[in-house]
Amino acid sequence: MHNISSLLFTIQIGDVEKETSNDFTASVTIRPEFQYHSQGFIKCGLFQYARFDPSIIVGDIIKTVSECDRVTFEKSLDLLRERFSWEYEGIS
């Protein structure tokens, strides 16, 4: 029997010059059988781990957001949309 847990994070990311933001979602799955597989970012908005370690999970999410940083927020959006589930004004 496998013990699977899931967490869902909504991250608000916006341009520092504006008051609006976009909601990006990260889904975290904890599955003990993943101990022999790669962990962390898997695909759009999905992070998988063998055990729950908040510092590693938050660190991976921050690292993934940082990897999307470009000269302007608009240029960063394309990468953010590839890495996270995206919702803006009710559009997903």
PDB file of N, CA and C in Angstrom:
ATOM      1  N   MET A   1       0.842  -1.180   0.000  1.00  0.00           N
ATOM      2  CA  MET A   1       0.000   0.000   0.000  1.00  0.00           C
ATOM      3  C   MET A   1       0.889   1.246   0.000  1.00  0.00           C
ATOM      4  N   HIS A   2       0.579   2.176  -0.879  1.00  0.00           N
ATOM      5  CA  HIS A   2       1.345   3.407  -0.991  1.00  0.00           C
ATOM      6  C   HIS A   2       0.658   4.533  -0.232  1.00  0.00           C
ATOM      7  N   ASN A   3       1.468   5.339   0.367  1.00  0.00           N
ATOM      8  CA  ASN A   3       0.965   6.493   1.113  1.00  0.00           C
ATOM      9  C   ASN A   3       1.267   7.744   0.292  1.00  0.00           C
ATOM     10  N   ILE A   4       0.254   8.308  -0.349  1.00  0.00           N
ATOM     11  CA  ILE A   4       0.427   9.454  -1.239  1.00  0.00           C
ATOM     12  C   ILE A   4      -0.235  10.683  -0.626  1.00  0.00           C
ATOM     13  N   SER A   5       0.489  11.787  -0.648  1.00  0.00           N
ATOM     14  CA  SER A   5      -0.062  13.055  -0.178  1.00  0.00           C
ATOM     15  C   SER A   5       0.105  14.098  -1.267  1.00  0.00           C
ATOM     16  N   SER A   6      -0.814  15.043  -1.320  1.00  0.00           N
ATOM     17  CA  SER A   6      -0.733  16.120  -2.298  1.00  0.00           C
ATOM     18  C   SER A   6      -0.961  17.462  -1.621  1.00  0.00           C
ATOM     19  N   LEU A   7      -0.232  18.456  -2.109  1.00  0.00           N
ATOM     20  CA  LEU A   7      -0.385  19.828  -1.646  1.00  0.00           C
ATOM     21  C   LEU A   7      -0.534  20.711  -2.863  1.00  0.00           C
ATOM     22  N   LEU A   8      -1.310  21.750  -2.742  1.00  0.00           N
ATOM     23  CA  LEU A   8      -1.509  22.687  -3.848  1.00  0.00           C
ATOM     24  C   LEU A   8      -1.143  24.089  -3.373  1.00  0.00           C
ATOM     25  N   PHE A   9      -0.230  24.726  -4.084  1.00  0.00           N
ATOM     26  CA  PHE A   9       0.224  26.074  -3.754  1.00  0.00           C
ATOM     27  C   PHE A   9      -0.219  27.039  -4.841  1.00  0.00           C
ATOM     28  N   THR A  10      -0.756  28.171  -4.457  1.00  0.00           N
ATOM     29  CA  THR A  10      -1.033  29.243  -5.406  1.00  0.00           C
ATOM     30  C   THR A  10      -0.027  30.349  -5.132  1.00  0.00           C
ATOM     31  N   ILE A  11       0.696  30.722  -6.167  1.00  0.00           N
ATOM     32  CA  ILE A  11       1.747  31.719  -6.051  1.00  0.00           C
ATOM     33  C   ILE A  11       1.334  32.926  -6.876  1.00  0.00           C
ATOM     34  N   GLN A  12       1.281  34.089  -6.254  1.00  0.00           N
ATOM     35  CA  GLN A  12       0.956  35.311  -6.984  1.00  0.00           C
ATOM     36  C   GLN A  12       2.249  35.977  -7.421  1.00  0.00           C
ATOM     37  N   ILE A  13       2.385  36.149  -8.732  1.00  0.00           N
ATOM     38  CA  ILE A  13       3.587  36.756  -9.299  1.00  0.00           C
ATOM     39  C   ILE A  13       3.156  37.918 -10.174  1.00  0.00           C
ATOM     40  N   GLY A  14       3.791  39.052  -9.975  1.00  0.00           N
ATOM     41  CA  GLY A  14       3.426  40.223 -10.764  1.00  0.00           C
ATOM     42  C   GLY A  14       4.612  41.128 -11.005  1.00  0.00           C
ATOM     43  N   ASP A  15       4.391  42.098 -11.843  1.00  0.00           N
ATOM     44  CA  ASP A  15       5.391  43.113 -12.159  1.00  0.00           C
ATOM     45  C   ASP A  15       5.486  44.082 -10.987  1.00  0.00           C
ATOM     46  N   VAL A  16       6.685  44.367 -10.521  1.00  0.00           N
ATOM     47  CA  VAL A  16       6.839  45.276  -9.384  1.00  0.00           C
ATOM     48  C   VAL A  16       6.346  46.678  -9.700  1.00  0.00           C
ATOM     49  N   GLU A  17       6.237  47.010 -10.979  1.00  0.00           N
ATOM     50  CA  GLU A  17       5.780  48.336 -11.400  1.00  0.00           C
ATOM     51  C   GLU A  17       4.253  48.458 -11.395  1.00  0.00           C
ATOM     52  N   LYS A  18       3.553  47.333 -11.260  1.00  0.00           N
ATOM     53  CA  LYS A  18       2.091  47.342 -11.344  1.00  0.00           C
ATOM     54  C   LYS A  18       1.481  46.708 -10.099  1.00  0.00           C
ATOM     55  N   GLU A  19       0.197  46.991  -9.887  1.00  0.00           N
ATOM     56  CA  GLU A  19      -0.490  46.445  -8.727  1.00  0.00           C
ATOM     57  C   GLU A  19      -1.160  45.110  -9.009  1.00  0.00           C
ATOM     58  N   THR A  20      -1.185  44.665 -10.243  1.00  0.00           N
ATOM     59  CA  THR A  20      -1.837  43.405 -10.592  1.00  0.00           C
ATOM     60  C   THR A  20      -0.843  42.260 -10.505  1.00  0.00           C
ATOM     61  N   SER A  21      -1.385  41.053 -10.417  1.00  0.00           N
ATOM     62  CA  SER A  21      -0.540  39.867 -10.409  1.00  0.00           C
ATOM     63  C   SER A  21      -1.257  38.728 -11.115  1.00  0.00           C
ATOM     64  N   ASN A  22      -0.516  37.689 -11.390  1.00  0.00           N
ATOM     65  CA  ASN A  22      -1.041  36.478 -12.012  1.00  0.00           C
ATOM     66  C   ASN A  22      -0.950  35.357 -10.987  1.00  0.00           C
ATOM     67  N   ASP A  23      -1.924  34.464 -10.997  1.00  0.00           N
ATOM     68  CA  ASP A  23      -1.892  33.315 -10.098  1.00  0.00           C
ATOM     69  C   ASP A  23      -1.300  32.125 -10.828  1.00  0.00           C
ATOM     70  N   PHE A  24      -0.257  31.557 -10.244  1.00  0.00           N
ATOM     71  CA  PHE A  24       0.366  30.353 -10.771  1.00  0.00           C
ATOM     72  C   PHE A  24       0.205  29.265  -9.725  1.00  0.00           C
ATOM     73  N   THR A  25      -0.066  28.050 -10.159  1.00  0.00           N
ATOM     74  CA  THR A  25      -0.309  26.951  -9.240  1.00  0.00           C
ATOM     75  C   THR A  25       0.789  25.904  -9.351  1.00  0.00           C
ATOM     76  N   ALA A  26       1.250  25.460  -8.197  1.00  0.00           N
ATOM     77  CA  ALA A  26       2.220  24.368  -8.114  1.00  0.00           C
ATOM     78  C   ALA A  26       1.572  23.233  -7.322  1.00  0.00           C
ATOM     79  N   SER A  27       1.550  22.061  -7.896  1.00  0.00           N
ATOM     80  CA  SER A  27       1.013  20.882  -7.233  1.00  0.00           C
ATOM     81  C   SER A  27       2.188  20.028  -6.758  1.00  0.00           C
ATOM     82  N   VAL A  28       2.206  19.715  -5.485  1.00  0.00           N
ATOM     83  CA  VAL A  28       3.289  18.930  -4.903  1.00  0.00           C
ATOM     84  C   VAL A  28       2.728  17.575  -4.488  1.00  0.00           C
ATOM     85  N   THR A  29       3.361  16.510  -4.955  1.00  0.00           N
ATOM     86  CA  THR A  29       2.951  15.156  -4.614  1.00  0.00           C
ATOM     87  C   THR A  29       4.069  14.483  -3.836  1.00  0.00           C
ATOM     88  N   ILE A  30       3.708  13.870  -2.724  1.00  0.00           N
ATOM     89  CA  ILE A  30       4.655  13.131  -1.899  1.00  0.00           C
ATOM     90  C   ILE A  30       4.331  11.646  -2.053  1.00  0.00           C
ATOM     91  N   ARG A  31       5.287  10.903  -2.617  1.00  0.00           N
ATOM     92  CA  ARG A  31       5.101   9.468  -2.835  1.00  0.00           C
ATOM     93  C   ARG A  31       6.398   8.759  -2.443  1.00  0.00           C
ATOM     94  N   PRO A  32       6.374   7.972  -1.381  1.00  0.00           N
ATOM     95  CA  PRO A  32       7.596   7.309  -0.910  1.00  0.00           C
ATOM     96  C   PRO A  32       8.311   6.479  -1.973  1.00  0.00           C
ATOM     97  N   GLU A  33       7.594   5.924  -2.923  1.00  0.00           N
ATOM     98  CA  GLU A  33       8.242   5.086  -3.939  1.00  0.00           C
ATOM     99  C   GLU A  33       9.098   5.900  -4.915  1.00  0.00           C
ATOM    100  N   PHE A  34       9.045   7.223  -4.847  1.00  0.00           N
ATOM    101  CA  PHE A  34       9.872   8.072  -5.713  1.00  0.00           C
ATOM    102  C   PHE A  34      11.308   8.212  -5.227  1.00  0.00           C
ATOM    103  N   GLN A  35      11.653   7.545  -4.143  1.00  0.00           N
ATOM    104  CA  GLN A  35      12.994   7.697  -3.596  1.00  0.00           C
ATOM    105  C   GLN A  35      14.090   7.288  -4.579  1.00  0.00           C
ATOM    106  N   TYR A  36      13.760   6.499  -5.581  1.00  0.00           N
ATOM    107  CA  TYR A  36      14.765   6.064  -6.552  1.00  0.00           C
ATOM    108  C   TYR A  36      14.624   6.771  -7.890  1.00  0.00           C
ATOM    109  N   HIS A  37      13.773   7.770  -7.959  1.00  0.00           N
ATOM    110  CA  HIS A  37      13.541   8.526  -9.194  1.00  0.00           C
ATOM    111  C   HIS A  37      13.914   9.987  -8.973  1.00  0.00           C
ATOM    112  N   SER A  38      14.034  10.706 -10.079  1.00  0.00           N
ATOM    113  CA  SER A  38      14.328  12.137  -9.944  1.00  0.00           C
ATOM    114  C   SER A  38      13.178  12.821  -9.210  1.00  0.00           C
ATOM    115  N   GLN A  39      13.526  13.844  -8.460  1.00  0.00           N
ATOM    116  CA  GLN A  39      12.533  14.555  -7.673  1.00  0.00           C
ATOM    117  C   GLN A  39      12.576  16.029  -8.009  1.00  0.00           C
ATOM    118  N   GLY A  40      11.575  16.755  -7.581  1.00  0.00           N
ATOM    119  CA  GLY A  40      11.491  18.178  -7.854  1.00  0.00           C
ATOM    120  C   GLY A  40      10.566  18.442  -9.013  1.00  0.00           C
ATOM    121  N   PHE A  41      10.893  19.466  -9.811  1.00  0.00           N
ATOM    122  CA  PHE A  41      10.038  19.863 -10.931  1.00  0.00           C
ATOM    123  C   PHE A  41       9.958  18.738 -11.955  1.00  0.00           C
ATOM    124  N   ILE A  42       8.763  18.325 -12.317  1.00  0.00           N
ATOM    125  CA  ILE A  42       8.557  17.256 -13.285  1.00  0.00           C
ATOM    126  C   ILE A  42       7.995  17.813 -14.591  1.00  0.00           C
ATOM    127  N   LYS A  43       6.868  18.501 -14.503  1.00  0.00           N
ATOM    128  CA  LYS A  43       6.243  19.110 -15.677  1.00  0.00           C
ATOM    129  C   LYS A  43       5.360  20.249 -15.210  1.00  0.00           C
ATOM    130  N   CYS A  44       4.646  20.862 -16.102  1.00  0.00           N
ATOM    131  CA  CYS A  44       3.855  22.055 -15.827  1.00  0.00           C
ATOM    132  C   CYS A  44       3.135  22.009 -14.477  1.00  0.00           C
ATOM    133  N   GLY A  45       3.716  22.713 -13.512  1.00  0.00           N
ATOM    134  CA  GLY A  45       3.073  22.851 -12.216  1.00  0.00           C
ATOM    135  C   GLY A  45       3.162  21.654 -11.294  1.00  0.00           C
ATOM    136  N   LEU A  46       3.885  20.599 -11.678  1.00  0.00           N
ATOM    137  CA  LEU A  46       3.944  19.392 -10.861  1.00  0.00           C
ATOM    138  C   LEU A  46       5.345  19.177 -10.304  1.00  0.00           C
ATOM    139  N   PHE A  47       5.415  19.033  -8.997  1.00  0.00           N
ATOM    140  CA  PHE A  47       6.651  18.721  -8.288  1.00  0.00           C
ATOM    141  C   PHE A  47       6.414  17.427  -7.517  1.00  0.00           C
ATOM    142  N   GLN A  48       7.324  16.464  -7.622  1.00  0.00           N
ATOM    143  CA  GLN A  48       7.146  15.185  -6.937  1.00  0.00           C
ATOM    144  C   GLN A  48       8.347  14.888  -6.045  1.00  0.00           C
ATOM    145  N   TYR A  49       8.061  14.330  -4.876  1.00  0.00           N
ATOM    146  CA  TYR A  49       9.095  14.032  -3.890  1.00  0.00           C
ATOM    147  C   TYR A  49       8.807  12.709  -3.195  1.00  0.00           C
ATOM    148  N   ALA A  50       9.866  12.090  -2.672  1.00  0.00           N
ATOM    149  CA  ALA A  50       9.719  10.843  -1.921  1.00  0.00           C
ATOM    150  C   ALA A  50       9.286  11.113  -0.481  1.00  0.00           C
ATOM    151  N   ARG A  51       9.691  12.265   0.059  1.00  0.00           N
ATOM    152  CA  ARG A  51       9.304  12.599   1.432  1.00  0.00           C
ATOM    153  C   ARG A  51       9.026  14.092   1.532  1.00  0.00           C
ATOM    154  N   PHE A  52       8.276  14.452   2.552  1.00  0.00           N
ATOM    155  CA  PHE A  52       7.914  15.845   2.765  1.00  0.00           C
ATOM    156  C   PHE A  52       9.039  16.562   3.493  1.00  0.00           C
ATOM    157  N   ASP A  53       9.635  17.532   2.813  1.00  0.00           N
ATOM    158  CA  ASP A  53      10.664  18.387   3.414  1.00  0.00           C
ATOM    159  C   ASP A  53      10.372  19.804   2.935  1.00  0.00           C
ATOM    160  N   PRO A  54       9.709  20.606   3.782  1.00  0.00           N
ATOM    161  CA  PRO A  54       9.276  21.944   3.355  1.00  0.00           C
ATOM    162  C   PRO A  54      10.403  22.812   2.800  1.00  0.00           C
ATOM    163  N   SER A  55      11.591  22.750   3.381  1.00  0.00           N
ATOM    164  CA  SER A  55      12.676  23.614   2.898  1.00  0.00           C
ATOM    165  C   SER A  55      13.106  23.231   1.487  1.00  0.00           C
ATOM    166  N   ILE A  56      13.122  21.950   1.164  1.00  0.00           N
ATOM    167  CA  ILE A  56      13.471  21.518  -0.193  1.00  0.00           C
ATOM    168  C   ILE A  56      12.370  21.906  -1.172  1.00  0.00           C
ATOM    169  N   ILE A  57      11.120  21.687  -0.795  1.00  0.00           N
ATOM    170  CA  ILE A  57       9.985  21.982  -1.680  1.00  0.00           C
ATOM    171  C   ILE A  57       9.924  23.479  -1.990  1.00  0.00           C
ATOM    172  N   VAL A  58       9.959  24.309  -0.963  1.00  0.00           N
ATOM    173  CA  VAL A  58       9.910  25.763  -1.171  1.00  0.00           C
ATOM    174  C   VAL A  58      11.132  26.211  -1.972  1.00  0.00           C
ATOM    175  N   GLY A  59      12.292  25.657  -1.665  1.00  0.00           N
ATOM    176  CA  GLY A  59      13.505  25.991  -2.412  1.00  0.00           C
ATOM    177  C   GLY A  59      13.387  25.657  -3.888  1.00  0.00           C
ATOM    178  N   ASP A  60      12.805  24.497  -4.209  1.00  0.00           N
ATOM    179  CA  ASP A  60      12.619  24.109  -5.614  1.00  0.00           C
ATOM    180  C   ASP A  60      11.636  25.032  -6.326  1.00  0.00           C
ATOM    181  N   ILE A  61      10.563  25.423  -5.636  1.00  0.00           N
ATOM    182  CA  ILE A  61       9.587  26.336  -6.247  1.00  0.00           C
ATOM    183  C   ILE A  61      10.238  27.694  -6.502  1.00  0.00           C
ATOM    184  N   ILE A  62      10.964  28.206  -5.523  1.00  0.00           N
ATOM    185  CA  ILE A  62      11.653  29.499  -5.696  1.00  0.00           C
ATOM    186  C   ILE A  62      12.683  29.409  -6.821  1.00  0.00           C
ATOM    187  N   LYS A  63      13.427  28.319  -6.871  1.00  0.00           N
ATOM    188  CA  LYS A  63      14.423  28.122  -7.939  1.00  0.00           C
ATOM    189  C   LYS A  63      13.753  28.111  -9.309  1.00  0.00           C
ATOM    190  N   THR A  64      12.622  27.435  -9.419  1.00  0.00           N
ATOM    191  CA  THR A  64      11.906  27.357 -10.692  1.00  0.00           C
ATOM    192  C   THR A  64      11.405  28.738 -11.111  1.00  0.00           C
ATOM    193  N   VAL A  65      10.873  29.520 -10.168  1.00  0.00           N
ATOM    194  CA  VAL A  65      10.434  30.889 -10.473  1.00  0.00           C
ATOM    195  C   VAL A  65      11.637  31.719 -10.912  1.00  0.00           C
ATOM    196  N   SER A  66      12.741  31.602 -10.217  1.00  0.00           N
ATOM    197  CA  SER A  66      13.955  32.375 -10.546  1.00  0.00           C
ATOM    198  C   SER A  66      14.479  32.044 -11.937  1.00  0.00           C
ATOM    199  N   GLU A  67      14.381  30.788 -12.335  1.00  0.00           N
ATOM    200  CA  GLU A  67      14.843  30.375 -13.664  1.00  0.00           C
ATOM    201  C   GLU A  67      14.016  31.007 -14.783  1.00  0.00           C
ATOM    202  N   CYS A  68      12.837  31.500 -14.446  1.00  0.00           N
ATOM    203  CA  CYS A  68      11.956  32.135 -15.436  1.00  0.00           C
ATOM    204  C   CYS A  68      12.174  33.638 -15.525  1.00  0.00           C
ATOM    205  N   ASP A  69      13.008  34.189 -14.680  1.00  0.00           N
ATOM    206  CA  ASP A  69      13.232  35.631 -14.633  1.00  0.00           C
ATOM    207  C   ASP A  69      13.934  36.120 -15.897  1.00  0.00           C
ATOM    208  N   ARG A  70      13.322  37.095 -16.546  1.00  0.00           N
ATOM    209  CA  ARG A  70      13.879  37.703 -17.750  1.00  0.00           C
ATOM    210  C   ARG A  70      13.914  39.215 -17.573  1.00  0.00           C
ATOM    211  N   VAL A  71      14.333  39.935 -18.578  1.00  0.00           N
ATOM    212  CA  VAL A  71      14.500  41.390 -18.500  1.00  0.00           C
ATOM    213  C   VAL A  71      13.205  42.087 -18.108  1.00  0.00           C
ATOM    214  N   THR A  72      12.089  41.655 -18.669  1.00  0.00           N
ATOM    215  CA  THR A  72      10.790  42.248 -18.338  1.00  0.00           C
ATOM    216  C   THR A  72       9.843  41.165 -17.847  1.00  0.00           C
ATOM    217  N   PHE A  73       8.806  41.593 -17.129  1.00  0.00           N
ATOM    218  CA  PHE A  73       7.820  40.633 -16.643  1.00  0.00           C
ATOM    219  C   PHE A  73       7.111  39.945 -17.803  1.00  0.00           C
ATOM    220  N   GLU A  74       6.799  40.686 -18.843  1.00  0.00           N
ATOM    221  CA  GLU A  74       6.110  40.104 -19.997  1.00  0.00           C
ATOM    222  C   GLU A  74       6.933  38.973 -20.612  1.00  0.00           C
ATOM    223  N   LYS A  75       8.252  39.147 -20.672  1.00  0.00           N
ATOM    224  CA  LYS A  75       9.113  38.095 -21.227  1.00  0.00           C
ATOM    225  C   LYS A  75       9.211  36.900 -20.279  1.00  0.00           C
ATOM    226  N   SER A  76       9.054  37.143 -19.000  1.00  0.00           N
ATOM    227  CA  SER A  76       9.092  36.066 -18.010  1.00  0.00           C
ATOM    228  C   SER A  76       7.814  35.226 -18.045  1.00  0.00           C
ATOM    229  N   LEU A  77       6.697  35.839 -18.431  1.00  0.00           N
ATOM    230  CA  LEU A  77       5.403  35.148 -18.408  1.00  0.00           C
ATOM    231  C   LEU A  77       5.388  33.869 -19.228  1.00  0.00           C
ATOM    232  N   ASP A  78       5.978  33.877 -20.413  1.00  0.00           N
ATOM    233  CA  ASP A  78       5.973  32.670 -21.246  1.00  0.00           C
ATOM    234  C   ASP A  78       6.623  31.490 -20.521  1.00  0.00           C
ATOM    235  N   LEU A  79       7.747  31.735 -19.888  1.00  0.00           N
ATOM    236  CA  LEU A  79       8.422  30.668 -19.152  1.00  0.00           C
ATOM    237  C   LEU A  79       7.635  30.250 -17.917  1.00  0.00           C
ATOM    238  N   LEU A  80       7.074  31.219 -17.209  1.00  0.00           N
ATOM    239  CA  LEU A  80       6.258  30.890 -16.039  1.00  0.00           C
ATOM    240  C   LEU A  80       5.072  30.023 -16.425  1.00  0.00           C
ATOM    241  N   ARG A  81       4.460  30.322 -17.563  1.00  0.00           N
ATOM    242  CA  ARG A  81       3.304  29.537 -18.032  1.00  0.00           C
ATOM    243  C   ARG A  81       3.702  28.116 -18.405  1.00  0.00           C
ATOM    244  N   GLU A  82       4.952  27.919 -18.831  1.00  0.00           N
ATOM    245  CA  GLU A  82       5.427  26.572 -19.150  1.00  0.00           C
ATOM    246  C   GLU A  82       5.697  25.765 -17.879  1.00  0.00           C
ATOM    247  N   ARG A  83       6.108  26.439 -16.827  1.00  0.00           N
ATOM    248  CA  ARG A  83       6.530  25.757 -15.599  1.00  0.00           C
ATOM    249  C   ARG A  83       5.423  25.583 -14.571  1.00  0.00           C
ATOM    250  N   PHE A  84       4.388  26.420 -14.643  1.00  0.00           N
ATOM    251  CA  PHE A  84       3.304  26.370 -13.661  1.00  0.00           C
ATOM    252  C   PHE A  84       1.956  26.412 -14.376  1.00  0.00           C
ATOM    253  N   SER A  85       0.935  25.928 -13.681  1.00  0.00           N
ATOM    254  CA  SER A  85      -0.422  26.142 -14.167  1.00  0.00           C
ATOM    255  C   SER A  85      -0.704  27.626 -13.960  1.00  0.00           C
ATOM    256  N   TRP A  86      -1.329  28.264 -14.939  1.00  0.00           N
ATOM    257  CA  TRP A  86      -1.474  29.714 -14.927  1.00  0.00           C
ATOM    258  C   TRP A  86      -2.930  30.103 -14.979  1.00  0.00           C
ATOM    259  N   GLU A  87      -3.270  31.139 -14.211  1.00  0.00           N
ATOM    260  CA  GLU A  87      -4.621  31.694 -14.249  1.00  0.00           C
ATOM    261  C   GLU A  87      -4.546  33.196 -14.138  1.00  0.00           C
ATOM    262  N   TYR A  88      -5.226  33.885 -15.058  1.00  0.00           N
ATOM    263  CA  TYR A  88      -5.255  35.342 -15.036  1.00  0.00           C
ATOM    264  C   TYR A  88      -6.666  35.794 -15.321  1.00  0.00           C
ATOM    265  N   GLU A  89      -7.237  36.532 -14.405  1.00  0.00           N
ATOM    266  CA  GLU A  89      -8.614  37.038 -14.536  1.00  0.00           C
ATOM    267  C   GLU A  89      -9.595  35.948 -14.958  1.00  0.00           C
ATOM    268  N   GLY A  90      -9.474  34.775 -14.307  1.00  0.00           N
ATOM    269  CA  GLY A  90     -10.404  33.691 -14.581  1.00  0.00           C
ATOM    270  C   GLY A  90     -10.077  32.865 -15.805  1.00  0.00           C
ATOM    271  N   ILE A  91      -8.994  33.183 -16.503  1.00  0.00           N
ATOM    272  CA  ILE A  91      -8.611  32.417 -17.693  1.00  0.00           C
ATOM    273  C   ILE A  91      -7.484  31.467 -17.306  1.00  0.00           C
ATOM    274  N   SER A  92      -7.634  30.182 -17.637  1.00  0.00           N
ATOM    275  CA  SER A  92      -6.558  29.248 -17.315  1.00  0.00           C
ATOM    276  C   SER A  92      -6.166  28.455 -18.539  1.00  0.00           C
TER     277      SER A  92
END
